[in-house]
Each structure stands twice: as C-alpha cells, then as structure tokens.
C-alpha atoms as a PDB file:
ATOM      1  CA  UNK A   1       1.730 -26.756  22.875  1.00  0.00           C
ATOM      2  CA  UNK A   2       1.185 -23.275  24.257  1.00  0.00           C
ATOM      3  CA  UNK A   3       1.781 -20.635  21.581  1.00  0.00           C
ATOM      4  CA  UNK A   4       2.823 -17.400  23.247  1.00  0.00           C
ATOM      5  CA  UNK A   5       3.261 -14.010  21.600  1.00  0.00           C
ATOM      6  CA  UNK A   6       5.871 -11.910  23.388  1.00  0.00           C
ATOM      7  CA  UNK A   7       5.869  -8.253  22.436  1.00  0.00           C
ATOM      8  CA  UNK A   8       7.059  -4.897  23.714  1.00  0.00           C
ATOM      9  CA  UNK A   9       8.197  -1.511  22.514  1.00  0.00           C
ATOM     10  CA  UNK A  10      11.749  -0.677  21.573  1.00  0.00           C
ATOM     11  CA  UNK A  11      14.131  -1.061  24.559  1.00  0.00           C
ATOM     12  CA  UNK A  12      11.367  -2.627  26.636  1.00  0.00           C
ATOM     13  CA  UNK A  13      13.422  -5.617  27.792  1.00  0.00           C
ATOM     14  CA  UNK A  14      11.519  -8.050  25.577  1.00  0.00           C
ATOM     15  CA  UNK A  15      14.725  -9.753  24.412  1.00  0.00           C
ATOM     16  CA  UNK A  16      15.763 -10.323  28.036  1.00  0.00           C
ATOM     17  CA  UNK A  17      12.447 -12.078  28.686  1.00  0.00           C
ATOM     18  CA  UNK A  18      12.786 -14.142  25.480  1.00  0.00           C
ATOM     19  CA  UNK A  19      16.307 -15.266  26.432  1.00  0.00           C
ATOM     20  CA  UNK A  20      15.123 -16.300  29.889  1.00  0.00           C
ATOM     21  CA  UNK A  21      12.252 -18.348  28.470  1.00  0.00           C
ATOM     22  CA  UNK A  22      14.677 -19.999  26.019  1.00  0.00           C
ATOM     23  CA  UNK A  23      16.939 -20.895  28.967  1.00  0.00           C
ATOM     24  CA  UNK A  24      13.955 -22.691  30.497  1.00  0.00           C
ATOM     25  CA  UNK A  25      13.428 -24.657  27.278  1.00  0.00           C
ATOM     26  CA  UNK A  26      10.996 -22.596  25.219  1.00  0.00           C
ATOM     27  CA  UNK A  27      11.318 -22.700  21.453  1.00  0.00           C
ATOM     28  CA  UNK A  28      11.741 -19.021  20.599  1.00  0.00           C
ATOM     29  CA  UNK A  29      10.901 -17.879  17.075  1.00  0.00           C
ATOM     30  CA  UNK A  30      12.360 -14.407  16.563  1.00  0.00           C
ATOM     31  CA  UNK A  31      10.352 -12.259  14.131  1.00  0.00           C
ATOM     32  CA  UNK A  32      13.242  -9.836  13.579  1.00  0.00           C
ATOM     33  CA  UNK A  33      15.560 -12.715  12.676  1.00  0.00           C
ATOM     34  CA  UNK A  34      12.942 -14.056  10.246  1.00  0.00           C
ATOM     35  CA  UNK A  35      12.734 -10.636   8.584  1.00  0.00           C
ATOM     36  CA  UNK A  36      16.516 -10.558   8.125  1.00  0.00           C
ATOM     37  CA  UNK A  37      16.469 -14.066   6.632  1.00  0.00           C
ATOM     38  CA  UNK A  38      13.628 -13.224   4.246  1.00  0.00           C
ATOM     39  CA  UNK A  39      15.430 -10.076   3.116  1.00  0.00           C
ATOM     40  CA  UNK A  40      18.639 -11.843   2.083  1.00  0.00           C
ATOM     41  CA  UNK A  41      19.841 -11.622  -1.528  1.00  0.00           C
ATOM     42  CA  UNK A  42      17.976 -14.066  -3.725  1.00  0.00           C
ATOM     43  CA  UNK A  43      14.859 -14.092  -1.556  1.00  0.00           C
ATOM     44  CA  UNK A  44      11.539 -13.027  -3.141  1.00  0.00           C
ATOM     45  CA  UNK A  45      10.917 -10.504  -0.369  1.00  0.00           C
ATOM     46  CA  UNK A  46      14.107  -8.592  -1.190  1.00  0.00           C
ATOM     47  CA  UNK A  47      13.231  -8.618  -4.888  1.00  0.00           C
ATOM     48  CA  UNK A  48       9.780  -7.203  -4.090  1.00  0.00           C
ATOM     49  CA  UNK A  49      11.296  -4.481  -1.881  1.00  0.00           C
ATOM     50  CA  UNK A  50      13.692  -3.443  -4.656  1.00  0.00           C
ATOM     51  CA  UNK A  51      10.824  -3.405  -7.167  1.00  0.00           C
ATOM     52  CA  UNK A  52       8.732  -1.190  -4.882  1.00  0.00           C
ATOM     53  CA  UNK A  53      11.416   1.189  -3.597  1.00  0.00           C
ATOM     54  CA  UNK A  54      14.060   1.114  -6.325  1.00  0.00           C
ATOM     55  CA  UNK A  55      17.577  -0.247  -6.658  1.00  0.00           C
ATOM     56  CA  UNK A  56      18.800   2.499  -4.295  1.00  0.00           C
ATOM     57  CA  UNK A  57      17.768   0.314  -1.342  1.00  0.00           C
ATOM     58  CA  UNK A  58      20.374  -2.293  -2.342  1.00  0.00           C
ATOM     59  CA  UNK A  59      24.077  -2.269  -1.603  1.00  0.00           C
ATOM     60  CA  UNK A  60      26.546  -2.799  -4.482  1.00  0.00           C
ATOM     61  CA  UNK A  61      26.675  -6.517  -3.628  1.00  0.00           C
ATOM     62  CA  UNK A  62      22.870  -6.852  -3.784  1.00  0.00           C
ATOM     63  CA  UNK A  63      22.094  -6.924  -0.057  1.00  0.00           C
ATOM     64  CA  UNK A  64      19.450  -4.742   1.536  1.00  0.00           C
ATOM     65  CA  UNK A  65      20.740  -1.306   2.481  1.00  0.00           C
ATOM     66  CA  UNK A  66      18.732  -0.985   5.708  1.00  0.00           C
ATOM     67  CA  UNK A  67      19.640   2.656   6.389  1.00  0.00           C
ATOM     68  CA  UNK A  68      18.627   3.636   2.846  1.00  0.00           C
ATOM     69  CA  UNK A  69      15.316   1.808   3.149  1.00  0.00           C
ATOM     70  CA  UNK A  70      14.760   3.253   6.613  1.00  0.00           C
ATOM     71  CA  UNK A  71      15.309   6.760   5.287  1.00  0.00           C
ATOM     72  CA  UNK A  72      12.533   6.185   2.742  1.00  0.00           C
ATOM     73  CA  UNK A  73       9.924   4.739   5.102  1.00  0.00           C
ATOM     74  CA  UNK A  74      10.693   6.295   8.493  1.00  0.00           C
ATOM     75  CA  UNK A  75       7.990   8.867   9.187  1.00  0.00           C
ATOM     76  CA  UNK A  76       6.101   8.128   5.936  1.00  0.00           C
ATOM     77  CA  UNK A  77       3.059   6.048   6.824  1.00  0.00           C
ATOM     78  CA  UNK A  78       2.150   5.201   3.228  1.00  0.00           C
ATOM     79  CA  UNK A  79       5.616   3.972   2.317  1.00  0.00           C
ATOM     80  CA  UNK A  80       5.897   2.075   5.587  1.00  0.00           C
ATOM     81  CA  UNK A  81       2.534   0.434   4.872  1.00  0.00           C
ATOM     82  CA  UNK A  82       3.802  -0.569   1.415  1.00  0.00           C
ATOM     83  CA  UNK A  83       6.871  -2.159   3.007  1.00  0.00           C
ATOM     84  CA  UNK A  84       4.741  -3.955   5.604  1.00  0.00           C
ATOM     85  CA  UNK A  85       2.466  -5.286   2.852  1.00  0.00           C
ATOM     86  CA  UNK A  86       5.523  -6.989   1.368  1.00  0.00           C
ATOM     87  CA  UNK A  87       7.178  -8.203   4.546  1.00  0.00           C
ATOM     88  CA  UNK A  88       4.368  -9.119   6.965  1.00  0.00           C
ATOM     89  CA  UNK A  89       2.671 -11.864   4.899  1.00  0.00           C
ATOM     90  CA  UNK A  90       6.002 -13.587   4.254  1.00  0.00           C
ATOM     91  CA  UNK A  91       6.956 -13.394   7.927  1.00  0.00           C
ATOM     92  CA  UNK A  92       3.564 -14.758   8.971  1.00  0.00           C
ATOM     93  CA  UNK A  93       3.870 -17.705   6.586  1.00  0.00           C
ATOM     94  CA  UNK A  94       7.407 -18.557   7.706  1.00  0.00           C
ATOM     95  CA  UNK A  95       6.644 -18.123  11.409  1.00  0.00           C
ATOM     96  CA  UNK A  96       3.666 -20.466  11.156  1.00  0.00           C
ATOM     97  CA  UNK A  97       5.843 -23.008   9.364  1.00  0.00           C
ATOM     98  CA  UNK A  98       8.284 -22.844  12.274  1.00  0.00           C
ATOM     99  CA  UNK A  99       5.502 -23.172  14.854  1.00  0.00           C
ATOM    100  CA  UNK A 100       4.330 -26.349  13.086  1.00  0.00           C
ATOM    101  CA  UNK A 101       7.903 -27.694  12.948  1.00  0.00           C
ATOM    102  CA  UNK A 102       8.301 -27.124  16.700  1.00  0.00           C
ATOM    103  CA  UNK A 103       5.044 -28.977  17.363  1.00  0.00           C
ATOM    104  CA  UNK A 104       6.083 -31.841  15.083  1.00  0.00           C
ATOM    105  CA  UNK A 105       9.398 -32.130  16.935  1.00  0.00           C
ATOM    106  CA  UNK A 106       7.809 -31.967  20.403  1.00  0.00           C
ATOM    107  CA  UNK A 107       4.030 -31.838  20.866  1.00  0.00           C
ATOM    108  CA  UNK A 108       4.549 -30.468  24.402  1.00  0.00           C
ATOM    109  CA  UNK A 109       6.878 -27.637  23.385  1.00  0.00           C
ATOM    110  CA  UNK A 110       6.249 -24.119  24.635  1.00  0.00           C
ATOM    111  CA  UNK A 111       6.638 -21.882  21.570  1.00  0.00           C
ATOM    112  CA  UNK A 112       7.315 -18.182  22.080  1.00  0.00           C
ATOM    113  CA  UNK A 113       7.002 -15.804  19.157  1.00  0.00           C
ATOM    114  CA  UNK A 114       9.251 -12.830  19.893  1.00  0.00           C
ATOM    115  CA  UNK A 115       7.401 -10.210  17.850  1.00  0.00           C
ATOM    116  CA  UNK A 116       8.023  -6.509  18.453  1.00  0.00           C
ATOM    117  CA  UNK A 117       5.287  -5.231  16.127  1.00  0.00           C
ATOM    118  CA  UNK A 118       2.340  -7.351  17.266  1.00  0.00           C
ATOM    119  CA  UNK A 119       0.145  -4.328  18.011  1.00  0.00           C
ATOM    120  CA  UNK A 120       1.111  -2.645  14.747  1.00  0.00           C
ATOM    121  CA  UNK A 121       0.280  -5.797  12.771  1.00  0.00           C
ATOM    122  CA  UNK A 122      -3.008  -6.234  14.682  1.00  0.00           C
ATOM    123  CA  UNK A 123      -2.162  -9.897  15.137  1.00  0.00           C
ATOM    124  CA  UNK A 124      -4.172 -11.126  18.092  1.00  0.00           C
ATOM    125  CA  UNK A 125      -6.044 -14.225  17.009  1.00  0.00           C
ATOM    126  CA  UNK A 126      -3.910 -17.336  17.248  1.00  0.00           C
ATOM    127  CA  UNK A 127      -2.127 -16.946  20.594  1.00  0.00           C
ATOM    128  CA  UNK A 128      -2.794 -18.907  23.751  1.00  0.00           C
ATOM    129  CA  UNK A 129      -1.276 -15.991  25.625  1.00  0.00           C
ATOM    130  CA  UNK A 130      -0.031 -12.518  24.740  1.00  0.00           C
ATOM    131  CA  UNK A 131       2.788 -11.296  26.980  1.00  0.00           C
ATOM    132  CA  UNK A 132       3.823  -7.648  26.955  1.00  0.00           C
ATOM    133  CA  UNK A 133       7.234  -6.606  28.276  1.00  0.00           C
ATOM    134  CA  UNK A 134       6.542  -3.094  29.508  1.00  0.00           C
ATOM    135  CA  UNK A 135       8.532  -0.133  30.754  1.00  0.00           C
ATOM    136  CA  UNK A 136       7.403   3.506  30.601  1.00  0.00           C
ATOM    137  CA  UNK A 137       8.536   5.489  27.575  1.00  0.00           C
ATOM    138  CA  UNK A 138      10.956   7.640  29.597  1.00  0.00           C
ATOM    139  CA  UNK A 139      12.730   4.509  30.861  1.00  0.00           C
ATOM    140  CA  UNK A 140      13.019   3.136  27.318  1.00  0.00           C
ATOM    141  CA  UNK A 141      14.308   6.452  25.993  1.00  0.00           C
ATOM    142  CA  UNK A 142      16.975   6.532  28.718  1.00  0.00           C
ATOM    143  CA  UNK A 143      18.024   2.977  27.803  1.00  0.00           C
ATOM    144  CA  UNK A 144      18.387   3.862  24.127  1.00  0.00           C
ATOM    145  CA  UNK A 145      20.466   6.928  24.944  1.00  0.00           C
ATOM    146  CA  UNK A 146      22.687   5.005  27.381  1.00  0.00           C
ATOM    147  CA  UNK A 147      23.049   1.643  25.644  1.00  0.00           C
ATOM    148  CA  UNK A 148      22.476   2.364  21.954  1.00  0.00           C
ATOM    149  CA  UNK A 149      24.129   5.760  21.664  1.00  0.00           C
ATOM    150  CA  UNK A 150      21.026   7.520  20.351  1.00  0.00           C
ATOM    151  CA  UNK A 151      20.221  11.136  20.980  1.00  0.00           C
ATOM    152  CA  UNK A 152      17.185  11.729  23.167  1.00  0.00           C
ATOM    153  CA  UNK A 153      15.319  13.190  20.178  1.00  0.00           C
ATOM    154  CA  UNK A 154      16.075  10.132  18.050  1.00  0.00           C
ATOM    155  CA  UNK A 155      15.026   7.781  20.852  1.00  0.00           C
ATOM    156  CA  UNK A 156      11.750   9.647  21.387  1.00  0.00           C
ATOM    157  CA  UNK A 157      11.089   9.563  17.659  1.00  0.00           C
ATOM    158  CA  UNK A 158      11.547   5.777  17.621  1.00  0.00           C
ATOM    159  CA  UNK A 159       9.103   5.389  20.504  1.00  0.00           C
ATOM    160  CA  UNK A 160       6.580   7.703  18.825  1.00  0.00           C
ATOM    161  CA  UNK A 161       6.700   5.665  15.593  1.00  0.00           C
ATOM    162  CA  UNK A 162       5.612   2.479  17.345  1.00  0.00           C
ATOM    163  CA  UNK A 163       2.245   1.534  18.776  1.00  0.00           C
ATOM    164  CA  UNK A 164       1.396   3.325  21.993  1.00  0.00           C
ATOM    165  CA  UNK A 165       1.805   1.650  25.367  1.00  0.00           C
ATOM    166  CA  UNK A 166      -1.984   1.588  25.698  1.00  0.00           C
ATOM    167  CA  UNK A 167      -2.371  -0.202  22.348  1.00  0.00           C
ATOM    168  CA  UNK A 168       0.124  -2.872  23.399  1.00  0.00           C
ATOM    169  CA  UNK A 169      -1.224  -3.258  26.911  1.00  0.00           C
ATOM    170  CA  UNK A 170      -4.769  -3.763  25.599  1.00  0.00           C
ATOM    171  CA  UNK A 171      -3.523  -6.953  23.907  1.00  0.00           C
ATOM    172  CA  UNK A 172      -1.876  -8.336  27.048  1.00  0.00           C
ATOM    173  CA  UNK A 173      -2.893 -11.425  28.950  1.00  0.00           C
ATOM    174  CA  UNK A 174       0.292 -11.008  31.010  1.00  0.00           C
ATOM    175  CA  UNK A 175       2.372  -7.872  31.599  1.00  0.00           C
ATOM    176  CA  UNK A 176       5.997  -8.184  32.673  1.00  0.00           C
ATOM    177  CA  UNK A 177       7.140  -4.938  34.265  1.00  0.00           C
ATOM    178  CA  UNK A 178      10.695  -4.438  33.043  1.00  0.00           C
ATOM    179  CA  UNK A 179      11.233  -0.984  34.535  1.00  0.00           C
ATOM    180  CA  UNK A 180      13.015  -2.217  37.666  1.00  0.00           C
ATOM    181  CA  UNK A 181      16.093  -4.323  38.319  1.00  0.00           C
ATOM    182  CA  UNK A 182      16.876  -7.088  35.843  1.00  0.00           C
ATOM    183  CA  UNK A 183      16.454  -9.613  38.654  1.00  0.00           C
ATOM    184  CA  UNK A 184      12.818  -8.523  38.964  1.00  0.00           C
ATOM    185  CA  UNK A 185      12.269  -8.957  35.229  1.00  0.00           C
ATOM    186  CA  UNK A 186      13.839 -12.433  35.303  1.00  0.00           C
ATOM    187  CA  UNK A 187      11.728 -13.448  38.302  1.00  0.00           C
ATOM    188  CA  UNK A 188       8.575 -12.443  36.418  1.00  0.00           C
ATOM    189  CA  UNK A 189       9.753 -14.410  33.373  1.00  0.00           C
ATOM    190  CA  UNK A 190      10.345 -17.428  35.620  1.00  0.00           C
ATOM    191  CA  UNK A 191       6.820 -17.125  36.994  1.00  0.00           C
ATOM    192  CA  UNK A 192       5.447 -16.891  33.479  1.00  0.00           C
ATOM    193  CA  UNK A 193       7.333 -20.045  32.520  1.00  0.00           C
ATOM    194  CA  UNK A 194       5.842 -21.948  35.450  1.00  0.00           C
ATOM    195  CA  UNK A 195       2.370 -20.817  34.425  1.00  0.00           C
ATOM    196  CA  UNK A 196       2.887 -22.173  30.909  1.00  0.00           C
ATOM    197  CA  UNK A 197       3.762 -25.690  32.036  1.00  0.00           C
ATOM    198  CA  UNK A 198       1.052 -28.370  32.176  1.00  0.00           C
END
C-alpha cells in the first residue's frame, strides 16, 4: 500500500489533483475534513479549543465559530501554535486510524493523504512519496481574487501565513506544476497514478 502525502499552498490546485487520484481509485483521506469532524460539538477537540480560547469561539448552538477563532489566531504565532497543539495530535491519530482501515479493506490500496499543512507540521517521516501541487504565489493570489472573492491584500496575507514555496518544495519527491491549463495538471496527476501502481 503506497502512502502518499499530497500537499500544496492555498489555491495551489491540490484538491484538483486529489479528485483526479480518487477518480483513478485512490483512497483519499482529507485532513481538512478530519479537522471539521474533530471540531464538531461534543468532540474533545472542540471542548479543548473552547477551554483554551474561551466560549467566544462557539456559536450559540455550541458549534465552532470559525471566523471568531480565526480572528484570534490569524497573525498571532503563539495562539496559532496553541491551536495546533490541540488539533494536530488528534488529526494525526485519526488519519492513521483511517490509513490502517484502508489497508485492512484492501492491502493493495493507494492511500493519499490530502494535507495542506504538511510543511507547517513538519510531518515527513511516514510517507512513501510526498507530492507537492505547486503554482507560483502570484498565480495563487490571482485565483483567490477571481474564484474566492478575496482582496489581493487578503490573498497575499493568506499566502504569507503559510509555509514558503521553498519549504514545501524541499519536502517533495514529486512536484505537479499546476500553474498551466487544468488539462496539464490532470495529465501530471495521471502520470503520478501510473507511477504508484505495482
């Protein structure tokens, strides 16, 4: 079972690559989806977040108020580190449980961990291959402005708050250049898939 980490900066096209690999039959474990699940009402992670940051990060119905939490941690390295210390261990434990479940279901499965913050979490040890979806920062900023309705300043701030391109690329066994046409990105994902098969 190849275990592949797929990472990339915001608006890098990583999700497009993940979807293509899933179409080929990969078992994709989405780190962002795991985070949302672990932060649901009643989950220990949400309780720990509320204990650390106060009840103001909860909505009246007890769900996580993501904008309120974001306002507290965005741009504050210490508070962001405190949040990561709560969330990252729980995500790691759950992701590894899902990797094992995929292997139990099909020992030949190709498992792709769609993990945007791999460089930030310094998680490099367990992967058979690290794949980086990469587009230059200016391309990603333009995508966020066009497709997500962000201002250029907001988009640049988001890019600046993530690991640098160099930090991500240093982890890469494979780089998928997502700066061109989507057909080019999909062709590279197809080639990656072929390389993962026995």
